[in-house]
PDB file of N, CA and C in Angstrom:
ATOM      1  N   MET A   1      60.795  46.760 -33.589  1.00  0.00           N
ATOM      2  CA  MET A   1      60.675  46.092 -34.878  1.00  0.00           C
ATOM      3  C   MET A   1      59.192  45.825 -35.147  1.00  0.00           C
ATOM      4  N   THR A   2      58.784  46.091 -36.356  1.00  0.00           N
ATOM      5  CA  THR A   2      57.393  45.875 -36.733  1.00  0.00           C
ATOM      6  C   THR A   2      57.160  44.408 -37.063  1.00  0.00           C
ATOM      7  N   THR A   3      55.905  44.026 -37.103  1.00  0.00           N
ATOM      8  CA  THR A   3      55.542  42.663 -37.473  1.00  0.00           C
ATOM      9  C   THR A   3      56.019  42.345 -38.884  1.00  0.00           C
ATOM     10  N   GLU A   4      55.910  43.324 -39.782  1.00  0.00           N
ATOM     11  CA  GLU A   4      56.353  43.120 -41.161  1.00  0.00           C
ATOM     12  C   GLU A   4      57.866  42.869 -41.220  1.00  0.00           C
ATOM     13  N   GLN A   5      58.630  43.613 -40.445  1.00  0.00           N
ATOM     14  CA  GLN A   5      60.078  43.411 -40.402  1.00  0.00           C
ATOM     15  C   GLN A   5      60.423  42.044 -39.817  1.00  0.00           C
ATOM     16  N   ASP A   6      59.696  41.649 -38.784  1.00  0.00           N
ATOM     17  CA  ASP A   6      59.924  40.351 -38.161  1.00  0.00           C
ATOM     18  C   ASP A   6      59.611  39.223 -39.137  1.00  0.00           C
ATOM     19  N   THR A   7      58.513  39.346 -39.879  1.00  0.00           N
ATOM     20  CA  THR A   7      58.149  38.343 -40.880  1.00  0.00           C
ATOM     21  C   THR A   7      59.216  38.257 -41.961  1.00  0.00           C
ATOM     22  N   TRP A   8      59.704  39.398 -42.425  1.00  0.00           N
ATOM     23  CA  TRP A   8      60.753  39.434 -43.447  1.00  0.00           C
ATOM     24  C   TRP A   8      62.025  38.768 -42.913  1.00  0.00           C
ATOM     25  N   ARG A   9      62.398  39.070 -41.685  1.00  0.00           N
ATOM     26  CA  ARG A   9      63.601  38.494 -41.082  1.00  0.00           C
ATOM     27  C   ARG A   9      63.488  36.970 -40.961  1.00  0.00           C
ATOM     28  N   GLN A  10      62.335  36.483 -40.553  1.00  0.00           N
ATOM     29  CA  GLN A  10      62.127  35.035 -40.442  1.00  0.00           C
ATOM     30  C   GLN A  10      62.207  34.367 -41.811  1.00  0.00           C
ATOM     31  N   ALA A  11      61.633  34.988 -42.834  1.00  0.00           N
ATOM     32  CA  ALA A  11      61.677  34.428 -44.182  1.00  0.00           C
ATOM     33  C   ALA A  11      63.108  34.404 -44.705  1.00  0.00           C
ATOM     34  N   LEU A  12      63.841  35.456 -44.451  1.00  0.00           N
ATOM     35  CA  LEU A  12      65.238  35.526 -44.880  1.00  0.00           C
ATOM     36  C   LEU A  12      66.078  34.466 -44.174  1.00  0.00           C
ATOM     37  N   TRP A  13      65.852  34.269 -42.895  1.00  0.00           N
ATOM     38  CA  TRP A  13      66.569  33.242 -42.131  1.00  0.00           C
ATOM     39  C   TRP A  13      66.254  31.851 -42.692  1.00  0.00           C
ATOM     40  N   ALA A  14      64.988  31.569 -42.953  1.00  0.00           N
ATOM     41  CA  ALA A  14      64.590  30.268 -43.497  1.00  0.00           C
ATOM     42  C   ALA A  14      65.218  30.038 -44.866  1.00  0.00           C
ATOM     43  N   TRP A  15      65.259  31.065 -45.693  1.00  0.00           N
ATOM     44  CA  TRP A  15      65.877  30.964 -47.013  1.00  0.00           C
ATOM     45  C   TRP A  15      67.365  30.643 -46.870  1.00  0.00           C
ATOM     46  N   GLY A  16      68.038  31.308 -45.936  1.00  0.00           N
ATOM     47  CA  GLY A  16      69.456  31.050 -45.695  1.00  0.00           C
ATOM     48  C   GLY A  16      69.706  29.631 -45.236  1.00  0.00           C
ATOM     49  N   GLU A  17      68.838  29.105 -44.383  1.00  0.00           N
ATOM     50  CA  GLU A  17      68.974  27.715 -43.939  1.00  0.00           C
ATOM     51  C   GLU A  17      68.858  26.748 -45.117  1.00  0.00           C
ATOM     52  N   LYS A  18      67.899  26.986 -45.987  1.00  0.00           N
ATOM     53  CA  LYS A  18      67.717  26.093 -47.132  1.00  0.00           C
ATOM     54  C   LYS A  18      68.920  26.143 -48.063  1.00  0.00           C
ATOM     55  N   LEU A  19      69.436  27.339 -48.303  1.00  0.00           N
ATOM     56  CA  LEU A  19      70.591  27.484 -49.183  1.00  0.00           C
ATOM     57  C   LEU A  19      71.823  26.766 -48.632  1.00  0.00           C
ATOM     58  N   THR A  20      72.012  26.837 -47.337  1.00  0.00           N
ATOM     59  CA  THR A  20      73.209  26.260 -46.714  1.00  0.00           C
ATOM     60  C   THR A  20      72.981  24.856 -46.175  1.00  0.00           C
ATOM     61  N   GLN A  21      71.763  24.358 -46.329  1.00  0.00           N
ATOM     62  CA  GLN A  21      71.391  23.035 -45.827  1.00  0.00           C
ATOM     63  C   GLN A  21      71.724  22.896 -44.348  1.00  0.00           C
ATOM     64  N   THR A  22      71.279  23.900 -43.588  1.00  0.00           N
ATOM     65  CA  THR A  22      71.486  23.897 -42.144  1.00  0.00           C
ATOM     66  C   THR A  22      70.148  23.997 -41.443  1.00  0.00           C
ATOM     67  N   GLY A  23      70.153  23.697 -40.162  1.00  0.00           N
ATOM     68  CA  GLY A  23      68.959  23.816 -39.345  1.00  0.00           C
ATOM     69  C   GLY A  23      69.326  24.483 -38.031  1.00  0.00           C
ATOM     70  N   LEU A  24      68.333  24.946 -37.346  1.00  0.00           N
ATOM     71  CA  LEU A  24      68.534  25.695 -36.117  1.00  0.00           C
ATOM     72  C   LEU A  24      67.626  25.131 -35.046  1.00  0.00           C
ATOM     73  N   TRP A  25      68.173  25.041 -33.847  1.00  0.00           N
ATOM     74  CA  TRP A  25      67.289  24.754 -32.733  1.00  0.00           C
ATOM     75  C   TRP A  25      67.597  25.715 -31.615  1.00  0.00           C
ATOM     76  N   GLU A  26      66.558  25.967 -30.831  1.00  0.00           N
ATOM     77  CA  GLU A  26      66.663  26.836 -29.669  1.00  0.00           C
ATOM     78  C   GLU A  26      66.236  26.024 -28.458  1.00  0.00           C
ATOM     79  N   HIS A  27      67.039  26.083 -27.415  1.00  0.00           N
ATOM     80  CA  HIS A  27      66.743  25.345 -26.187  1.00  0.00           C
ATOM     81  C   HIS A  27      66.443  26.365 -25.094  1.00  0.00           C
ATOM     82  N   ASP A  28      65.201  26.386 -24.639  1.00  0.00           N
ATOM     83  CA  ASP A  28      64.810  27.254 -23.532  1.00  0.00           C
ATOM     84  C   ASP A  28      65.309  26.599 -22.249  1.00  0.00           C
ATOM     85  N   LEU A  29      66.357  27.160 -21.668  1.00  0.00           N
ATOM     86  CA  LEU A  29      66.999  26.528 -20.520  1.00  0.00           C
ATOM     87  C   LEU A  29      66.120  26.516 -19.280  1.00  0.00           C
ATOM     88  N   ALA A  30      65.250  27.495 -19.142  1.00  0.00           N
ATOM     89  CA  ALA A  30      64.381  27.548 -17.971  1.00  0.00           C
ATOM     90  C   ALA A  30      63.294  26.479 -18.016  1.00  0.00           C
ATOM     91  N   SER A  31      62.675  26.315 -19.196  1.00  0.00           N
ATOM     92  CA  SER A  31      61.563  25.361 -19.301  1.00  0.00           C
ATOM     93  C   SER A  31      61.994  23.996 -19.830  1.00  0.00           C
ATOM     94  N   GLY A  32      63.158  23.953 -20.476  1.00  0.00           N
ATOM     95  CA  GLY A  32      63.609  22.702 -21.084  1.00  0.00           C
ATOM     96  C   GLY A  32      63.055  22.483 -22.476  1.00  0.00           C
ATOM     97  N   GLU A  33      62.198  23.398 -22.960  1.00  0.00           N
ATOM     98  CA  GLU A  33      61.589  23.252 -24.280  1.00  0.00           C
ATOM     99  C   GLU A  33      62.643  23.405 -25.382  1.00  0.00           C
ATOM    100  N   LEU A  34      62.553  22.553 -26.379  1.00  0.00           N
ATOM    101  CA  LEU A  34      63.435  22.614 -27.543  1.00  0.00           C
ATOM    102  C   LEU A  34      62.591  22.966 -28.752  1.00  0.00           C
ATOM    103  N   ILE A  35      63.005  23.994 -29.488  1.00  0.00           N
ATOM    104  CA  ILE A  35      62.254  24.478 -30.650  1.00  0.00           C
ATOM    105  C   ILE A  35      63.137  24.304 -31.875  1.00  0.00           C
ATOM    106  N   TRP A  36      62.623  23.620 -32.893  1.00  0.00           N
ATOM    107  CA  TRP A  36      63.363  23.392 -34.131  1.00  0.00           C
ATOM    108  C   TRP A  36      62.856  24.310 -35.224  1.00  0.00           C
ATOM    109  N   SER A  37      63.769  24.721 -36.088  1.00  0.00           N
ATOM    110  CA  SER A  37      63.353  25.434 -37.297  1.00  0.00           C
ATOM    111  C   SER A  37      62.716  24.425 -38.256  1.00  0.00           C
ATOM    112  N   ASP A  38      61.910  24.929 -39.180  1.00  0.00           N
ATOM    113  CA  ASP A  38      61.278  24.039 -40.162  1.00  0.00           C
ATOM    114  C   ASP A  38      62.323  23.274 -40.965  1.00  0.00           C
ATOM    115  N   ASN A  39      63.445  23.910 -41.272  1.00  0.00           N
ATOM    116  CA  ASN A  39      64.466  23.240 -42.068  1.00  0.00           C
ATOM    117  C   ASN A  39      65.143  22.114 -41.290  1.00  0.00           C
ATOM    118  N   LEU A  40      65.249  22.249 -39.974  1.00  0.00           N
ATOM    119  CA  LEU A  40      65.820  21.160 -39.176  1.00  0.00           C
ATOM    120  C   LEU A  40      64.904  19.939 -39.229  1.00  0.00           C
ATOM    121  N   PHE A  41      63.595  20.154 -39.176  1.00  0.00           N
ATOM    122  CA  PHE A  41      62.675  19.026 -39.356  1.00  0.00           C
ATOM    123  C   PHE A  41      62.959  18.344 -40.693  1.00  0.00           C
ATOM    124  N   GLY A  42      63.147  19.136 -41.749  1.00  0.00           N
ATOM    125  CA  GLY A  42      63.422  18.583 -43.071  1.00  0.00           C
ATOM    126  C   GLY A  42      64.725  17.800 -43.117  1.00  0.00           C
ATOM    127  N   ILE A  43      65.758  18.282 -42.432  1.00  0.00           N
ATOM    128  CA  ILE A  43      67.035  17.562 -42.385  1.00  0.00           C
ATOM    129  C   ILE A  43      66.833  16.173 -41.792  1.00  0.00           C
ATOM    130  N   PHE A  44      65.935  16.076 -40.817  1.00  0.00           N
ATOM    131  CA  PHE A  44      65.638  14.787 -40.197  1.00  0.00           C
ATOM    132  C   PHE A  44      64.522  14.031 -40.912  1.00  0.00           C
ATOM    133  N   ASP A  45      64.166  14.471 -42.112  1.00  0.00           N
ATOM    134  CA  ASP A  45      63.144  13.825 -42.941  1.00  0.00           C
ATOM    135  C   ASP A  45      61.766  13.800 -42.291  1.00  0.00           C
ATOM    136  N   HIS A  46      61.400  14.901 -41.659  1.00  0.00           N
ATOM    137  CA  HIS A  46      60.077  15.032 -41.045  1.00  0.00           C
ATOM    138  C   HIS A  46      59.438  16.333 -41.507  1.00  0.00           C
ATOM    139  N   ASP A  47      58.120  16.338 -41.575  1.00  0.00           N
ATOM    140  CA  ASP A  47      57.391  17.580 -41.784  1.00  0.00           C
ATOM    141  C   ASP A  47      57.438  18.374 -40.481  1.00  0.00           C
ATOM    142  N   PRO A  48      57.437  19.708 -40.569  1.00  0.00           N
ATOM    143  CA  PRO A  48      57.453  20.512 -39.339  1.00  0.00           C
ATOM    144  C   PRO A  48      56.337  20.106 -38.383  1.00  0.00           C
ATOM    145  N   GLY A  49      56.714  19.838 -37.141  1.00  0.00           N
ATOM    146  CA  GLY A  49      55.752  19.454 -36.121  1.00  0.00           C
ATOM    147  C   GLY A  49      55.365  17.983 -36.123  1.00  0.00           C
ATOM    148  N   ALA A  50      55.889  17.184 -37.063  1.00  0.00           N
ATOM    149  CA  ALA A  50      55.478  15.778 -37.167  1.00  0.00           C
ATOM    150  C   ALA A  50      56.023  14.924 -36.026  1.00  0.00           C
ATOM    151  N   VAL A  51      57.139  15.323 -35.452  1.00  0.00           N
ATOM    152  CA  VAL A  51      57.712  14.622 -34.299  1.00  0.00           C
ATOM    153  C   VAL A  51      58.012  15.658 -33.231  1.00  0.00           C
ATOM    154  N   GLU A  52      58.148  15.178 -32.005  1.00  0.00           N
ATOM    155  CA  GLU A  52      58.495  16.081 -30.909  1.00  0.00           C
ATOM    156  C   GLU A  52      59.917  16.608 -31.094  1.00  0.00           C
ATOM    157  N   SER A  53      60.086  17.906 -30.928  1.00  0.00           N
ATOM    158  CA  SER A  53      61.418  18.510 -30.985  1.00  0.00           C
ATOM    159  C   SER A  53      62.140  18.153 -29.694  1.00  0.00           C
ATOM    160  N   SER A  54      63.111  17.257 -29.792  1.00  0.00           N
ATOM    161  CA  SER A  54      63.813  16.848 -28.584  1.00  0.00           C
ATOM    162  C   SER A  54      65.302  16.687 -28.851  1.00  0.00           C
ATOM    163  N   LEU A  55      66.083  16.929 -27.829  1.00  0.00           N
ATOM    164  CA  LEU A  55      67.521  16.737 -27.923  1.00  0.00           C
ATOM    165  C   LEU A  55      67.838  15.264 -28.139  1.00  0.00           C
ATOM    166  N   GLU A  56      67.046  14.394 -27.552  1.00  0.00           N
ATOM    167  CA  GLU A  56      67.247  12.960 -27.729  1.00  0.00           C
ATOM    168  C   GLU A  56      67.133  12.564 -29.199  1.00  0.00           C
ATOM    169  N   HIS A  57      66.163  13.153 -29.899  1.00  0.00           N
ATOM    170  CA  HIS A  57      65.988  12.848 -31.324  1.00  0.00           C
ATOM    171  C   HIS A  57      67.191  13.328 -32.119  1.00  0.00           C
ATOM    172  N   VAL A  58      67.704  14.516 -31.771  1.00  0.00           N
ATOM    173  CA  VAL A  58      68.900  15.022 -32.439  1.00  0.00           C
ATOM    174  C   VAL A  58      70.062  14.063 -32.210  1.00  0.00           C
ATOM    175  N   LEU A  59      70.249  13.633 -30.971  1.00  0.00           N
ATOM    176  CA  LEU A  59      71.373  12.757 -30.644  1.00  0.00           C
ATOM    177  C   LEU A  59      71.262  11.388 -31.312  1.00  0.00           C
ATOM    178  N   LEU A  60      70.042  10.875 -31.436  1.00  0.00           N
ATOM    179  CA  LEU A  60      69.862   9.580 -32.107  1.00  0.00           C
ATOM    180  C   LEU A  60      70.256   9.638 -33.574  1.00  0.00           C
ATOM    181  N   ARG A  61      70.106  10.814 -34.195  1.00  0.00           N
ATOM    182  CA  ARG A  61      70.405  10.973 -35.616  1.00  0.00           C
ATOM    183  C   ARG A  61      71.779  11.587 -35.867  1.00  0.00           C
ATOM    184  N   THR A  62      72.578  11.755 -34.804  1.00  0.00           N
ATOM    185  CA  THR A  62      73.905  12.355 -34.909  1.00  0.00           C
ATOM    186  C   THR A  62      74.959  11.256 -34.843  1.00  0.00           C
ATOM    187  N   TYR A  63      75.990  11.368 -35.685  1.00  0.00           N
ATOM    188  CA  TYR A  63      77.074  10.395 -35.640  1.00  0.00           C
ATOM    189  C   TYR A  63      77.626  10.300 -34.223  1.00  0.00           C
ATOM    190  N   PRO A  64      77.906   9.086 -33.744  1.00  0.00           N
ATOM    191  CA  PRO A  64      78.389   8.904 -32.366  1.00  0.00           C
ATOM    192  C   PRO A  64      79.602   9.780 -32.023  1.00  0.00           C
ATOM    193  N   ASP A  65      80.525   9.957 -32.949  1.00  0.00           N
ATOM    194  CA  ASP A  65      81.712  10.767 -32.660  1.00  0.00           C
ATOM    195  C   ASP A  65      81.373  12.233 -32.429  1.00  0.00           C
ATOM    196  N   ASP A  66      80.215  12.694 -32.899  1.00  0.00           N
ATOM    197  CA  ASP A  66      79.818  14.088 -32.739  1.00  0.00           C
ATOM    198  C   ASP A  66      78.957  14.326 -31.496  1.00  0.00           C
ATOM    199  N   ARG A  67      78.431  13.270 -30.903  1.00  0.00           N
ATOM    200  CA  ARG A  67      77.504  13.430 -29.775  1.00  0.00           C
ATOM    201  C   ARG A  67      78.151  14.069 -28.559  1.00  0.00           C
ATOM    202  N   ASP A  68      79.416  13.796 -28.327  1.00  0.00           N
ATOM    203  CA  ASP A  68      80.088  14.356 -27.155  1.00  0.00           C
ATOM    204  C   ASP A  68      80.091  15.884 -27.176  1.00  0.00           C
ATOM    205  N   ARG A  69      80.175  16.476 -28.371  1.00  0.00           N
ATOM    206  CA  ARG A  69      80.174  17.939 -28.453  1.00  0.00           C
ATOM    207  C   ARG A  69      78.863  18.528 -27.961  1.00  0.00           C
ATOM    208  N   VAL A  70      77.768  17.835 -28.197  1.00  0.00           N
ATOM    209  CA  VAL A  70      76.476  18.309 -27.693  1.00  0.00           C
ATOM    210  C   VAL A  70      76.454  18.193 -26.174  1.00  0.00           C
ATOM    211  N   HIS A  71      76.935  17.075 -25.644  1.00  0.00           N
ATOM    212  CA  HIS A  71      76.936  16.864 -24.198  1.00  0.00           C
ATOM    213  C   HIS A  71      77.878  17.818 -23.470  1.00  0.00           C
ATOM    214  N   GLN A  72      78.892  18.325 -24.162  1.00  0.00           N
ATOM    215  CA  GLN A  72      79.867  19.204 -23.523  1.00  0.00           C
ATOM    216  C   GLN A  72      79.381  20.631 -23.345  1.00  0.00           C
ATOM    217  N   LEU A  73      78.252  20.973 -23.954  1.00  0.00           N
ATOM    218  CA  LEU A  73      77.710  22.321 -23.768  1.00  0.00           C
ATOM    219  C   LEU A  73      77.335  22.496 -22.306  1.00  0.00           C
ATOM    220  N   ASP A  74      77.875  23.512 -21.661  1.00  0.00           N
ATOM    221  CA  ASP A  74      77.581  23.768 -20.256  1.00  0.00           C
ATOM    222  C   ASP A  74      76.407  24.726 -20.163  1.00  0.00           C
ATOM    223  N   VAL A  75      75.256  24.202 -19.852  1.00  0.00           N
ATOM    224  CA  VAL A  75      74.067  25.040 -19.708  1.00  0.00           C
ATOM    225  C   VAL A  75      73.568  25.010 -18.266  1.00  0.00           C
ATOM    226  N   SER A  76      74.435  24.609 -17.344  1.00  0.00           N
ATOM    227  CA  SER A  76      74.019  24.427 -15.959  1.00  0.00           C
ATOM    228  C   SER A  76      73.629  25.727 -15.263  1.00  0.00           C
ATOM    229  N   ASP A  77      74.151  26.868 -15.731  1.00  0.00           N
ATOM    230  CA  ASP A  77      73.825  28.113 -15.053  1.00  0.00           C
ATOM    231  C   ASP A  77      72.529  28.748 -15.552  1.00  0.00           C
ATOM    232  N   LYS A  78      71.877  28.117 -16.510  1.00  0.00           N
ATOM    233  CA  LYS A  78      70.567  28.552 -17.023  1.00  0.00           C
ATOM    234  C   LYS A  78      70.598  29.973 -17.593  1.00  0.00           C
ATOM    235  N   THR A  79      71.710  30.377 -18.158  1.00  0.00           N
ATOM    236  CA  THR A  79      71.784  31.672 -18.822  1.00  0.00           C
ATOM    237  C   THR A  79      71.793  31.448 -20.319  1.00  0.00           C
ATOM    238  N   SER A  80      71.756  32.513 -21.056  1.00  0.00           N
ATOM    239  CA  SER A  80      71.733  32.425 -22.510  1.00  0.00           C
ATOM    240  C   SER A  80      73.068  31.911 -23.035  1.00  0.00           C
ATOM    241  N   VAL A  81      72.994  30.906 -23.876  1.00  0.00           N
ATOM    242  CA  VAL A  81      74.184  30.336 -24.492  1.00  0.00           C
ATOM    243  C   VAL A  81      73.941  30.293 -25.994  1.00  0.00           C
ATOM    244  N   ALA A  82      74.851  30.850 -26.753  1.00  0.00           N
ATOM    245  CA  ALA A  82      74.760  30.779 -28.208  1.00  0.00           C
ATOM    246  C   ALA A  82      75.989  30.046 -28.709  1.00  0.00           C
ATOM    247  N   THR A  83      75.777  29.049 -29.520  1.00  0.00           N
ATOM    248  CA  THR A  83      76.906  28.291 -30.043  1.00  0.00           C
ATOM    249  C   THR A  83      76.513  27.723 -31.396  1.00  0.00           C
ATOM    250  N   ALA A  84      77.503  27.352 -32.152  1.00  0.00           N
ATOM    251  CA  ALA A  84      77.270  26.709 -33.443  1.00  0.00           C
ATOM    252  C   ALA A  84      77.968  25.366 -33.415  1.00  0.00           C
ATOM    253  N   LEU A  85      77.261  24.343 -33.808  1.00  0.00           N
ATOM    254  CA  LEU A  85      77.816  22.999 -33.879  1.00  0.00           C
ATOM    255  C   LEU A  85      77.624  22.460 -35.278  1.00  0.00           C
ATOM    256  N   ARG A  86      78.619  21.814 -35.796  1.00  0.00           N
ATOM    257  CA  ARG A  86      78.473  21.098 -37.051  1.00  0.00           C
ATOM    258  C   ARG A  86      78.438  19.618 -36.693  1.00  0.00           C
ATOM    259  N   LEU A  87      77.302  19.000 -36.960  1.00  0.00           N
ATOM    260  CA  LEU A  87      77.099  17.604 -36.582  1.00  0.00           C
ATOM    261  C   LEU A  87      76.865  16.771 -37.824  1.00  0.00           C
ATOM    262  N   GLY A  88      77.446  15.592 -37.839  1.00  0.00           N
ATOM    263  CA  GLY A  88      77.155  14.640 -38.901  1.00  0.00           C
ATOM    264  C   GLY A  88      75.830  13.966 -38.588  1.00  0.00           C
ATOM    265  N   ILE A  89      74.922  13.970 -39.557  1.00  0.00           N
ATOM    266  CA  ILE A  89      73.580  13.432 -39.355  1.00  0.00           C
ATOM    267  C   ILE A  89      73.452  12.086 -40.053  1.00  0.00           C
ATOM    268  N   ILE A  90      72.878  11.119 -39.341  1.00  0.00           N
ATOM    269  CA  ILE A  90      72.612   9.794 -39.890  1.00  0.00           C
ATOM    270  C   ILE A  90      71.246   9.841 -40.566  1.00  0.00           C
ATOM    271  N   THR A  91      71.213   9.517 -41.860  1.00  0.00           N
ATOM    272  CA  THR A  91      69.923   9.535 -42.567  1.00  0.00           C
ATOM    273  C   THR A  91      69.514   8.145 -42.973  1.00  0.00           C
TER     274      THR A  91
END
């Protein structure tokens, strides 16, 4: 894939997030790093990069009844896990 194709794909993904009012995060299981999409920062009322991307921050802003679903993700084997969660966000 060329850089131009990658840039187009990222722009298309960001546009889709805005249209659907969704956000994306990626959790690097080996390093523990959590990476948020720009739209996820916006959902939490922050500018991109204004706060540390952390699972704790997500959980603090998630309805208590939805938090268990995040904790139930089994990432103990440190392999790639792809899942979709719909979480109620406290604003």
